[in-house]
């Protein structure tokens, strides 16, 4: 009976890894496409709010690439650690959301000045 449980555990582990690989690779593909279009739009936009959104999309792509490197065990997590959390994993989402918050704040400020 132990032998059967071992093979079932291995099968579930492989299936979970395949599902996670599909999730990570699709996330990488779509953020790469978004970052590509953001970089194409970058020279044509002079609006600060849109520039902050473009920077947020690029930081999202960097965060996704980092998560792929972490998934494959290539990232250097041990370089900078804050508590038990790698500093890069902590700062990238904060930077991304800060850029989006600043962009939306600028847009709301402009809308309130027009009325």
Protein backbone atom coordinates (compact mmCIF):
# COMPACT_ATOMS: atom_id res chain seq x y z
CA UNK A 1 0.00 0.00 0.00
CA UNK A 2 2.87 2.40 0.75
CA UNK A 3 4.19 1.96 -2.78
CA UNK A 4 0.87 3.02 -4.32
CA UNK A 5 0.70 6.10 -2.08
CA UNK A 6 4.22 7.07 -3.17
CA UNK A 7 3.30 6.93 -6.86
CA UNK A 8 0.08 8.85 -6.30
CA UNK A 9 2.04 11.53 -4.44
CA UNK A 10 4.59 11.75 -7.25
CA UNK A 11 1.83 11.97 -9.90
CA UNK A 12 0.07 14.78 -8.02
CA UNK A 13 3.36 16.64 -7.57
CA UNK A 14 4.21 16.41 -11.29
CA UNK A 15 0.69 17.51 -12.24
CA UNK A 16 0.87 20.48 -9.88
CA UNK A 17 4.24 21.48 -11.28
CA UNK A 18 2.91 21.31 -14.86
CA UNK A 19 -0.08 23.47 -13.90
CA UNK A 20 2.18 25.96 -12.19
CA UNK A 21 4.52 26.03 -15.20
CA UNK A 22 1.58 26.78 -17.50
CA UNK A 23 0.41 29.54 -15.16
CA UNK A 24 3.86 31.11 -14.91
CA UNK A 25 4.57 30.88 -18.65
CA UNK A 26 1.20 32.37 -19.63
CA UNK A 27 1.72 35.17 -17.13
CA UNK A 28 5.17 35.80 -18.61
CA UNK A 29 3.77 35.83 -22.16
CA UNK A 30 0.99 38.31 -21.46
CA UNK A 31 3.10 40.66 -19.37
CA UNK A 32 5.76 40.57 -22.10
CA UNK A 33 3.16 41.59 -24.68
CA UNK A 34 1.89 44.39 -22.41
CA UNK A 35 5.44 45.62 -21.75
CA UNK A 36 6.21 45.51 -25.48
CA UNK A 37 3.21 47.70 -26.29
CA UNK A 38 4.02 50.00 -23.36
CA UNK A 39 7.56 50.49 -24.70
CA UNK A 40 6.15 51.20 -28.18
CA UNK A 41 3.82 53.81 -26.68
CA UNK A 42 6.50 55.40 -24.50
CA UNK A 43 8.03 57.84 -27.07
CA UNK A 44 4.60 59.05 -28.20
CA UNK A 45 3.24 59.93 -24.76
CA UNK A 46 4.15 63.12 -22.90
CA UNK A 47 1.44 62.86 -20.26
CA UNK A 48 2.87 62.19 -16.77
CA UNK A 49 -0.05 59.97 -15.73
CA UNK A 50 0.33 57.72 -18.76
CA UNK A 51 4.11 57.62 -18.28
CA UNK A 52 3.58 56.35 -14.73
CA UNK A 53 1.22 53.66 -16.01
CA UNK A 54 3.81 52.63 -18.62
CA UNK A 55 6.47 52.41 -15.91
CA UNK A 56 4.07 50.34 -13.80
CA UNK A 57 3.56 47.88 -16.67
CA UNK A 58 7.32 47.58 -17.16
CA UNK A 59 7.82 46.96 -13.42
CA UNK A 60 5.08 44.30 -13.64
CA UNK A 61 7.08 42.57 -16.38
CA UNK A 62 10.25 42.76 -14.27
CA UNK A 63 8.33 41.26 -11.36
CA UNK A 64 7.07 38.43 -13.57
CA UNK A 65 10.55 37.67 -14.90
CA UNK A 66 11.81 37.60 -11.32
CA UNK A 67 9.07 35.15 -10.32
CA UNK A 68 10.02 32.90 -13.26
CA UNK A 69 13.66 33.00 -12.18
CA UNK A 70 12.59 32.21 -8.63
CA UNK A 71 10.40 29.34 -9.90
CA UNK A 72 13.37 27.77 -11.66
CA UNK A 73 15.68 28.45 -8.72
CA UNK A 74 17.93 30.89 -10.57
CA UNK A 75 17.27 34.08 -8.57
CA UNK A 76 19.66 35.33 -5.95
CA UNK A 77 17.26 35.52 -2.99
CA UNK A 78 20.01 35.18 -0.44
CA UNK A 79 21.65 38.51 -1.35
CA UNK A 80 19.22 40.89 0.34
CA UNK A 81 16.69 39.57 2.86
CA UNK A 82 14.37 41.61 5.08
CA UNK A 83 13.21 39.26 7.83
CA UNK A 84 12.40 36.05 5.98
CA UNK A 85 11.29 37.79 2.78
CA UNK A 86 13.67 38.63 -0.09
CA UNK A 87 13.87 42.39 -0.52
CA UNK A 88 13.18 42.19 -4.26
CA UNK A 89 9.94 40.26 -3.67
CA UNK A 90 8.91 42.95 -1.22
CA UNK A 91 9.80 46.07 -3.21
CA UNK A 92 8.65 45.21 -6.75
CA UNK A 93 4.92 44.99 -5.94
CA UNK A 94 5.18 48.14 -3.80
CA UNK A 95 6.88 50.08 -6.62
CA UNK A 96 4.32 48.86 -9.16
CA UNK A 97 1.33 49.82 -7.05
CA UNK A 98 2.91 53.15 -6.09
CA UNK A 99 3.30 54.04 -9.77
CA UNK A 100 -0.33 53.14 -10.48
CA UNK A 101 -1.53 55.08 -7.43
CA UNK A 102 0.44 58.16 -8.52
CA UNK A 103 -0.95 57.91 -12.07
CA UNK A 104 -4.54 57.60 -10.87
CA UNK A 105 -4.03 60.46 -8.41
CA UNK A 106 -2.85 62.71 -11.24
CA UNK A 107 -5.88 61.73 -13.34
CA UNK A 108 -8.30 62.38 -10.46
CA UNK A 109 -6.65 65.74 -9.73
CA UNK A 110 -7.05 66.79 -13.38
CA UNK A 111 -10.70 65.74 -13.45
CA UNK A 112 -11.45 67.70 -10.29
CA UNK A 113 -9.75 70.84 -11.66
CA UNK A 114 -11.79 70.77 -14.88
CA UNK A 115 -15.13 71.02 -13.07
